[in-house]
Amino acid sequence: MSQTVELPDDLAQALTDEASRLGISLSDYAVRLLASACPSADSVRSGADLVAFWRSEGLVGSRPDIANASNEARGLREQAQRRWP
């Protein structure tokens, strides 16, 4: 099904920039965003399901600037603990 959505220029540019950063078309990126906004309650029942979902959404490997995901997550947790003890 084809739909047309009018977007403010700044939002359209931000979406276009992010799609480009991910190396996908704006249309594919929009479909990913919309699909992720209404996930099925039955789709994620385990950690393996969650990782499979992340892979299907193109999230695994989408941050080449993060060399070590475990260290990055640890750093984010520590940062959050400093802000909200």
PDB file of N, CA and C in Angstrom:
ATOM      1  N   MET A   1       0.853  -1.167   0.000  1.00  0.00           N
ATOM      2  CA  MET A   1       0.000   0.000   0.000  1.00  0.00           C
ATOM      3  C   MET A   1       0.903   1.235   0.000  1.00  0.00           C
ATOM      4  N   SER A   2       0.525   2.214  -0.749  1.00  0.00           N
ATOM      5  CA  SER A   2       1.296   3.439  -0.845  1.00  0.00           C
ATOM      6  C   SER A   2       0.576   4.549  -0.088  1.00  0.00           C
ATOM      7  N   GLN A   3       1.340   5.319   0.699  1.00  0.00           N
ATOM      8  CA  GLN A   3       0.802   6.445   1.455  1.00  0.00           C
ATOM      9  C   GLN A   3       1.742   7.633   1.291  1.00  0.00           C
ATOM     10  N   THR A   4       1.189   8.826   1.410  1.00  0.00           N
ATOM     11  CA  THR A   4       1.987  10.042   1.382  1.00  0.00           C
ATOM     12  C   THR A   4       1.798  10.759   2.712  1.00  0.00           C
ATOM     13  N   VAL A   5       2.909  11.191   3.288  1.00  0.00           N
ATOM     14  CA  VAL A   5       2.869  11.897   4.570  1.00  0.00           C
ATOM     15  C   VAL A   5       3.620  13.209   4.412  1.00  0.00           C
ATOM     16  N   GLU A   6       3.000  14.293   4.796  1.00  0.00           N
ATOM     17  CA  GLU A   6       3.648  15.602   4.769  1.00  0.00           C
ATOM     18  C   GLU A   6       4.419  15.791   6.073  1.00  0.00           C
ATOM     19  N   LEU A   7       5.713  16.079   5.960  1.00  0.00           N
ATOM     20  CA  LEU A   7       6.572  16.256   7.124  1.00  0.00           C
ATOM     21  C   LEU A   7       7.144  17.663   7.148  1.00  0.00           C
ATOM     22  N   PRO A   8       7.381  18.201   8.335  1.00  0.00           N
ATOM     23  CA  PRO A   8       8.102  19.474   8.411  1.00  0.00           C
ATOM     24  C   PRO A   8       9.499  19.288   7.803  1.00  0.00           C
ATOM     25  N   ASP A   9      10.025  20.325   7.191  1.00  0.00           N
ATOM     26  CA  ASP A   9      11.314  20.226   6.503  1.00  0.00           C
ATOM     27  C   ASP A   9      12.431  19.716   7.411  1.00  0.00           C
ATOM     28  N   ASP A  10      12.479  20.197   8.667  1.00  0.00           N
ATOM     29  CA  ASP A  10      13.567  19.783   9.552  1.00  0.00           C
ATOM     30  C   ASP A  10      13.463  18.295   9.914  1.00  0.00           C
ATOM     31  N   LEU A  11      12.259  17.785  10.092  1.00  0.00           N
ATOM     32  CA  LEU A  11      12.077  16.360  10.378  1.00  0.00           C
ATOM     33  C   LEU A  11      12.422  15.520   9.156  1.00  0.00           C
ATOM     34  N   ALA A  12      11.990  15.944   8.006  1.00  0.00           N
ATOM     35  CA  ALA A  12      12.306  15.221   6.766  1.00  0.00           C
ATOM     36  C   ALA A  12      13.812  15.141   6.568  1.00  0.00           C
ATOM     37  N   GLN A  13      14.512  16.234   6.841  1.00  0.00           N
ATOM     38  CA  GLN A  13      15.970  16.241   6.689  1.00  0.00           C
ATOM     39  C   GLN A  13      16.639  15.328   7.708  1.00  0.00           C
ATOM     40  N   ALA A  14      16.159  15.352   8.951  1.00  0.00           N
ATOM     41  CA  ALA A  14      16.733  14.487   9.983  1.00  0.00           C
ATOM     42  C   ALA A  14      16.536  13.007   9.630  1.00  0.00           C
ATOM     43  N   LEU A  15      15.363  12.655   9.132  1.00  0.00           N
ATOM     44  CA  LEU A  15      15.100  11.269   8.738  1.00  0.00           C
ATOM     45  C   LEU A  15      15.961  10.868   7.552  1.00  0.00           C
ATOM     46  N   THR A  16      16.105  11.765   6.595  1.00  0.00           N
ATOM     47  CA  THR A  16      16.937  11.507   5.423  1.00  0.00           C
ATOM     48  C   THR A  16      18.393  11.308   5.835  1.00  0.00           C
ATOM     49  N   ASP A  17      18.876  12.154   6.734  1.00  0.00           N
ATOM     50  CA  ASP A  17      20.257  12.045   7.210  1.00  0.00           C
ATOM     51  C   ASP A  17      20.495  10.716   7.919  1.00  0.00           C
ATOM     52  N   GLU A  18      19.558  10.305   8.778  1.00  0.00           N
ATOM     53  CA  GLU A  18      19.725   9.048   9.517  1.00  0.00           C
ATOM     54  C   GLU A  18      19.658   7.848   8.576  1.00  0.00           C
ATOM     55  N   ALA A  19      18.763   7.873   7.622  1.00  0.00           N
ATOM     56  CA  ALA A  19      18.680   6.786   6.641  1.00  0.00           C
ATOM     57  C   ALA A  19      19.995   6.682   5.873  1.00  0.00           C
ATOM     58  N   SER A  20      20.539   7.816   5.497  1.00  0.00           N
ATOM     59  CA  SER A  20      21.813   7.837   4.782  1.00  0.00           C
ATOM     60  C   SER A  20      22.932   7.283   5.654  1.00  0.00           C
ATOM     61  N   ARG A  21      22.950   7.672   6.914  1.00  0.00           N
ATOM     62  CA  ARG A  21      23.973   7.173   7.843  1.00  0.00           C
ATOM     63  C   ARG A  21      23.905   5.658   7.959  1.00  0.00           C
ATOM     64  N   LEU A  22      22.685   5.113   7.950  1.00  0.00           N
ATOM     65  CA  LEU A  22      22.491   3.670   8.043  1.00  0.00           C
ATOM     66  C   LEU A  22      22.700   2.954   6.717  1.00  0.00           C
ATOM     67  N   GLY A  23      22.802   3.722   5.633  1.00  0.00           N
ATOM     68  CA  GLY A  23      23.020   3.138   4.317  1.00  0.00           C
ATOM     69  C   GLY A  23      21.777   2.503   3.716  1.00  0.00           C
ATOM     70  N   ILE A  24      20.592   3.036   4.079  1.00  0.00           N
ATOM     71  CA  ILE A  24      19.344   2.511   3.533  1.00  0.00           C
ATOM     72  C   ILE A  24      18.527   3.664   2.958  1.00  0.00           C
ATOM     73  N   SER A  25      17.520   3.323   2.186  1.00  0.00           N
ATOM     74  CA  SER A  25      16.679   4.367   1.595  1.00  0.00           C
ATOM     75  C   SER A  25      15.786   4.990   2.662  1.00  0.00           C
ATOM     76  N   LEU A  26      15.341   6.190   2.388  1.00  0.00           N
ATOM     77  CA  LEU A  26      14.423   6.863   3.301  1.00  0.00           C
ATOM     78  C   LEU A  26      13.147   6.042   3.465  1.00  0.00           C
ATOM     79  N   SER A  27      12.665   5.470   2.387  1.00  0.00           N
ATOM     80  CA  SER A  27      11.457   4.650   2.438  1.00  0.00           C
ATOM     81  C   SER A  27      11.648   3.443   3.364  1.00  0.00           C
ATOM     82  N   ASP A  28      12.780   2.740   3.217  1.00  0.00           N
ATOM     83  CA  ASP A  28      13.050   1.585   4.083  1.00  0.00           C
ATOM     84  C   ASP A  28      13.182   2.015   5.539  1.00  0.00           C
ATOM     85  N   TYR A  29      13.826   3.144   5.764  1.00  0.00           N
ATOM     86  CA  TYR A  29      13.989   3.639   7.134  1.00  0.00           C
ATOM     87  C   TYR A  29      12.634   3.993   7.747  1.00  0.00           C
ATOM     88  N   ALA A  30      11.779   4.639   6.975  1.00  0.00           N
ATOM     89  CA  ALA A  30      10.443   4.994   7.465  1.00  0.00           C
ATOM     90  C   ALA A  30       9.643   3.741   7.816  1.00  0.00           C
ATOM     91  N   VAL A  31       9.738   2.713   6.977  1.00  0.00           N
ATOM     92  CA  VAL A  31       9.029   1.459   7.268  1.00  0.00           C
ATOM     93  C   VAL A  31       9.546   0.856   8.562  1.00  0.00           C
ATOM     94  N   ARG A  32      10.861   0.865   8.779  1.00  0.00           N
ATOM     95  CA  ARG A  32      11.432   0.342  10.034  1.00  0.00           C
ATOM     96  C   ARG A  32      10.894   1.102  11.238  1.00  0.00           C
ATOM     97  N   LEU A  33      10.878   2.422  11.132  1.00  0.00           N
ATOM     98  CA  LEU A  33      10.395   3.234  12.256  1.00  0.00           C
ATOM     99  C   LEU A  33       8.931   2.936  12.564  1.00  0.00           C
ATOM    100  N   LEU A  34       8.123   2.883  11.530  1.00  0.00           N
ATOM    101  CA  LEU A  34       6.698   2.631  11.734  1.00  0.00           C
ATOM    102  C   LEU A  34       6.449   1.224  12.259  1.00  0.00           C
ATOM    103  N   ALA A  35       7.165   0.255  11.748  1.00  0.00           N
ATOM    104  CA  ALA A  35       6.995  -1.127  12.206  1.00  0.00           C
ATOM    105  C   ALA A  35       7.415  -1.274  13.660  1.00  0.00           C
ATOM    106  N   SER A  36       8.468  -0.572  14.059  1.00  0.00           N
ATOM    107  CA  SER A  36       8.931  -0.691  15.441  1.00  0.00           C
ATOM    108  C   SER A  36       8.013   0.030  16.416  1.00  0.00           C
ATOM    109  N   ALA A  37       7.167   0.922  15.911  1.00  0.00           N
ATOM    110  CA  ALA A  37       6.245   1.653  16.786  1.00  0.00           C
ATOM    111  C   ALA A  37       5.086   0.786  17.254  1.00  0.00           C
ATOM    112  N   CYS A  38       4.849  -0.317  16.586  1.00  0.00           N
ATOM    113  CA  CYS A  38       3.739  -1.183  16.982  1.00  0.00           C
ATOM    114  C   CYS A  38       4.158  -2.651  16.962  1.00  0.00           C
ATOM    115  N   PRO A  39       5.161  -3.012  17.812  1.00  0.00           N
ATOM    116  CA  PRO A  39       5.600  -4.406  17.833  1.00  0.00           C
ATOM    117  C   PRO A  39       4.540  -5.316  18.443  1.00  0.00           C
ATOM    118  N   SER A  40       4.561  -6.546  18.020  1.00  0.00           N
ATOM    119  CA  SER A  40       3.645  -7.553  18.550  1.00  0.00           C
ATOM    120  C   SER A  40       4.063  -7.926  19.962  1.00  0.00           C
ATOM    121  N   ALA A  41       3.119  -8.060  20.856  1.00  0.00           N
ATOM    122  CA  ALA A  41       3.406  -8.450  22.237  1.00  0.00           C
ATOM    123  C   ALA A  41       3.978  -9.856  22.302  1.00  0.00           C
ATOM    124  N   ASP A  42       3.668 -10.683  21.324  1.00  0.00           N
ATOM    125  CA  ASP A  42       4.140 -12.062  21.313  1.00  0.00           C
ATOM    126  C   ASP A  42       5.498 -12.222  20.641  1.00  0.00           C
ATOM    127  N   SER A  43       6.019 -11.161  20.050  1.00  0.00           N
ATOM    128  CA  SER A  43       7.223 -11.298  19.237  1.00  0.00           C
ATOM    129  C   SER A  43       8.499 -11.481  20.054  1.00  0.00           C
ATOM    130  N   VAL A  44       8.551 -10.981  21.278  1.00  0.00           N
ATOM    131  CA  VAL A  44       9.766 -11.066  22.080  1.00  0.00           C
ATOM    132  C   VAL A  44       9.457 -11.773  23.404  1.00  0.00           C
ATOM    133  N   ARG A  45       9.949 -13.001  23.511  1.00  0.00           N
ATOM    134  CA  ARG A  45       9.723 -13.789  24.725  1.00  0.00           C
ATOM    135  C   ARG A  45      11.011 -14.166  25.423  1.00  0.00           C
ATOM    136  N   SER A  46      12.146 -13.925  24.784  1.00  0.00           N
ATOM    137  CA  SER A  46      13.431 -14.287  25.378  1.00  0.00           C
ATOM    138  C   SER A  46      14.506 -13.327  24.870  1.00  0.00           C
ATOM    139  N   GLY A  47      15.684 -13.439  25.461  1.00  0.00           N
ATOM    140  CA  GLY A  47      16.806 -12.628  24.999  1.00  0.00           C
ATOM    141  C   GLY A  47      17.154 -12.932  23.552  1.00  0.00           C
ATOM    142  N   ALA A  48      17.059 -14.211  23.176  1.00  0.00           N
ATOM    143  CA  ALA A  48      17.352 -14.596  21.791  1.00  0.00           C
ATOM    144  C   ALA A  48      16.343 -13.958  20.837  1.00  0.00           C
ATOM    145  N   ASP A  49      15.072 -13.903  21.244  1.00  0.00           N
ATOM    146  CA  ASP A  49      14.055 -13.244  20.422  1.00  0.00           C
ATOM    147  C   ASP A  49      14.372 -11.762  20.259  1.00  0.00           C
ATOM    148  N   LEU A  50      14.836 -11.150  21.343  1.00  0.00           N
ATOM    149  CA  LEU A  50      15.159  -9.728  21.298  1.00  0.00           C
ATOM    150  C   LEU A  50      16.316  -9.470  20.338  1.00  0.00           C
ATOM    151  N   VAL A  51      17.361 -10.276  20.418  1.00  0.00           N
ATOM    152  CA  VAL A  51      18.494 -10.106  19.507  1.00  0.00           C
ATOM    153  C   VAL A  51      18.055 -10.343  18.067  1.00  0.00           C
ATOM    154  N   ALA A  52      17.211 -11.344  17.846  1.00  0.00           N
ATOM    155  CA  ALA A  52      16.696 -11.603  16.489  1.00  0.00           C
ATOM    156  C   ALA A  52      15.910 -10.397  15.988  1.00  0.00           C
ATOM    157  N   PHE A  53      15.117  -9.795  16.857  1.00  0.00           N
ATOM    158  CA  PHE A  53      14.362  -8.598  16.484  1.00  0.00           C
ATOM    159  C   PHE A  53      15.317  -7.461  16.134  1.00  0.00           C
ATOM    160  N   TRP A  54      16.343  -7.248  16.964  1.00  0.00           N
ATOM    161  CA  TRP A  54      17.316  -6.195  16.682  1.00  0.00           C
ATOM    162  C   TRP A  54      17.986  -6.426  15.334  1.00  0.00           C
ATOM    163  N   ARG A  55      18.338  -7.683  15.045  1.00  0.00           N
ATOM    164  CA  ARG A  55      18.960  -7.998  13.753  1.00  0.00           C
ATOM    165  C   ARG A  55      17.999  -7.689  12.610  1.00  0.00           C
ATOM    166  N   SER A  56      16.738  -8.091  12.770  1.00  0.00           N
ATOM    167  CA  SER A  56      15.762  -7.873  11.693  1.00  0.00           C
ATOM    168  C   SER A  56      15.523  -6.389  11.442  1.00  0.00           C
ATOM    169  N   GLU A  57      15.727  -5.587  12.469  1.00  0.00           N
ATOM    170  CA  GLU A  57      15.541  -4.141  12.337  1.00  0.00           C
ATOM    171  C   GLU A  57      16.814  -3.428  11.903  1.00  0.00           C
ATOM    172  N   GLY A  58      17.879  -4.194  11.699  1.00  0.00           N
ATOM    173  CA  GLY A  58      19.135  -3.590  11.254  1.00  0.00           C
ATOM    174  C   GLY A  58      19.894  -2.874  12.343  1.00  0.00           C
ATOM    175  N   LEU A  59      19.602  -3.174  13.598  1.00  0.00           N
ATOM    176  CA  LEU A  59      20.263  -2.482  14.699  1.00  0.00           C
ATOM    177  C   LEU A  59      21.606  -3.092  15.066  1.00  0.00           C
ATOM    178  N   VAL A  60      21.740  -4.412  14.912  1.00  0.00           N
ATOM    179  CA  VAL A  60      23.002  -5.064  15.230  1.00  0.00           C
ATOM    180  C   VAL A  60      24.022  -4.628  14.185  1.00  0.00           C
ATOM    181  N   GLY A  61      25.109  -4.037  14.664  1.00  0.00           N
ATOM    182  CA  GLY A  61      26.148  -3.555  13.764  1.00  0.00           C
ATOM    183  C   GLY A  61      25.899  -2.176  13.193  1.00  0.00           C
ATOM    184  N   SER A  62      24.866  -1.502  13.681  1.00  0.00           N
ATOM    185  CA  SER A  62      24.536  -0.177  13.128  1.00  0.00           C
ATOM    186  C   SER A  62      25.383   0.943  13.726  1.00  0.00           C
ATOM    187  N   ARG A  63      26.201   0.623  14.721  1.00  0.00           N
ATOM    188  CA  ARG A  63      27.063   1.624  15.349  1.00  0.00           C
ATOM    189  C   ARG A  63      28.526   1.194  15.233  1.00  0.00           C
ATOM    190  N   PRO A  64      29.125   1.341  14.044  1.00  0.00           N
ATOM    191  CA  PRO A  64      30.516   0.917  13.874  1.00  0.00           C
ATOM    192  C   PRO A  64      31.491   1.722  14.734  1.00  0.00           C
ATOM    193  N   ASP A  65      31.027   2.848  15.267  1.00  0.00           N
ATOM    194  CA  ASP A  65      31.888   3.659  16.132  1.00  0.00           C
ATOM    195  C   ASP A  65      32.049   3.036  17.515  1.00  0.00           C
ATOM    196  N   ILE A  66      31.260   2.021  17.856  1.00  0.00           N
ATOM    197  CA  ILE A  66      31.366   1.340  19.149  1.00  0.00           C
ATOM    198  C   ILE A  66      32.137   0.043  18.922  1.00  0.00           C
ATOM    199  N   ALA A  67      33.373   0.021  19.419  1.00  0.00           N
ATOM    200  CA  ALA A  67      34.230  -1.143  19.195  1.00  0.00           C
ATOM    201  C   ALA A  67      33.888  -2.295  20.125  1.00  0.00           C
ATOM    202  N   ASN A  68      33.480  -1.981  21.356  1.00  0.00           N
ATOM    203  CA  ASN A  68      33.206  -3.021  22.342  1.00  0.00           C
ATOM    204  C   ASN A  68      31.872  -2.713  23.015  1.00  0.00           C
ATOM    205  N   ALA A  69      30.825  -3.439  22.643  1.00  0.00           N
ATOM    206  CA  ALA A  69      29.475  -3.152  23.134  1.00  0.00           C
ATOM    207  C   ALA A  69      29.370  -3.319  24.644  1.00  0.00           C
ATOM    208  N   SER A  70      30.056  -4.307  25.210  1.00  0.00           N
ATOM    209  CA  SER A  70      30.000  -4.527  26.659  1.00  0.00           C
ATOM    210  C   SER A  70      30.588  -3.338  27.413  1.00  0.00           C
ATOM    211  N   ASN A  71      31.736  -2.864  26.960  1.00  0.00           N
ATOM    212  CA  ASN A  71      32.354  -1.697  27.607  1.00  0.00           C
ATOM    213  C   ASN A  71      31.477  -0.454  27.452  1.00  0.00           C
ATOM    214  N   GLU A  72      30.871  -0.296  26.285  1.00  0.00           N
ATOM    215  CA  GLU A  72      29.982   0.849  26.044  1.00  0.00           C
ATOM    216  C   GLU A  72      28.788   0.801  26.989  1.00  0.00           C
ATOM    217  N   ALA A  73      28.172  -0.368  27.126  1.00  0.00           N
ATOM    218  CA  ALA A  73      27.016  -0.516  28.017  1.00  0.00           C
ATOM    219  C   ALA A  73      27.418  -0.253  29.469  1.00  0.00           C
ATOM    220  N   ARG A  74      28.574  -0.776  29.866  1.00  0.00           N
ATOM    221  CA  ARG A  74      29.059  -0.543  31.228  1.00  0.00           C
ATOM    222  C   ARG A  74      29.259   0.949  31.473  1.00  0.00           C
ATOM    223  N   GLY A  75      29.857   1.635  30.513  1.00  0.00           N
ATOM    224  CA  GLY A  75      30.080   3.070  30.646  1.00  0.00           C
ATOM    225  C   GLY A  75      28.773   3.851  30.743  1.00  0.00           C
ATOM    226  N   LEU A  76      27.766   3.444  29.958  1.00  0.00           N
ATOM    227  CA  LEU A  76      26.462   4.107  30.031  1.00  0.00           C
ATOM    228  C   LEU A  76      25.800   3.886  31.384  1.00  0.00           C
ATOM    229  N   ARG A  77      25.910   2.656  31.913  1.00  0.00           N
ATOM    230  CA  ARG A  77      25.347   2.386  33.246  1.00  0.00           C
ATOM    231  C   ARG A  77      26.034   3.231  34.309  1.00  0.00           C
ATOM    232  N   GLU A  78      27.363   3.295  34.255  1.00  0.00           N
ATOM    233  CA  GLU A  78      28.112   4.094  35.227  1.00  0.00           C
ATOM    234  C   GLU A  78      27.760   5.568  35.121  1.00  0.00           C
ATOM    235  N   GLN A  79      27.608   6.040  33.903  1.00  0.00           N
ATOM    236  CA  GLN A  79      27.225   7.437  33.685  1.00  0.00           C
ATOM    237  C   GLN A  79      25.840   7.712  34.272  1.00  0.00           C
ATOM    238  N   ALA A  80      24.909   6.798  34.064  1.00  0.00           N
ATOM    239  CA  ALA A  80      23.556   6.957  34.597  1.00  0.00           C
ATOM    240  C   ALA A  80      23.572   6.934  36.114  1.00  0.00           C
ATOM    241  N   GLN A  81      24.387   6.074  36.698  1.00  0.00           N
ATOM    242  CA  GLN A  81      24.469   5.997  38.165  1.00  0.00           C
ATOM    243  C   GLN A  81      25.013   7.278  38.760  1.00  0.00           C
ATOM    244  N   ARG A  82      25.933   7.928  38.064  1.00  0.00           N
ATOM    245  CA  ARG A  82      26.481   9.208  38.561  1.00  0.00           C
ATOM    246  C   ARG A  82      25.428  10.302  38.505  1.00  0.00           C
ATOM    247  N   ARG A  83      24.566  10.249  37.498  1.00  0.00           N
ATOM    248  CA  ARG A  83      23.528  11.277  37.351  1.00  0.00           C
ATOM    249  C   ARG A  83      22.366  11.047  38.310  1.00  0.00           C
ATOM    250  N   TRP A  84      21.973   9.774  38.468  1.00  0.00           N
ATOM    251  CA  TRP A  84      20.794   9.434  39.276  1.00  0.00           C
ATOM    252  C   TRP A  84      21.152   8.368  40.310  1.00  0.00           C
ATOM    253  N   PRO A  85      21.819   8.782  41.373  1.00  0.00           N
ATOM    254  CA  PRO A  85      22.262   7.791  42.363  1.00  0.00           C
ATOM    255  C   PRO A  85      21.145   7.126  43.110  1.00  0.00           C
TER     256      PRO A  85
END
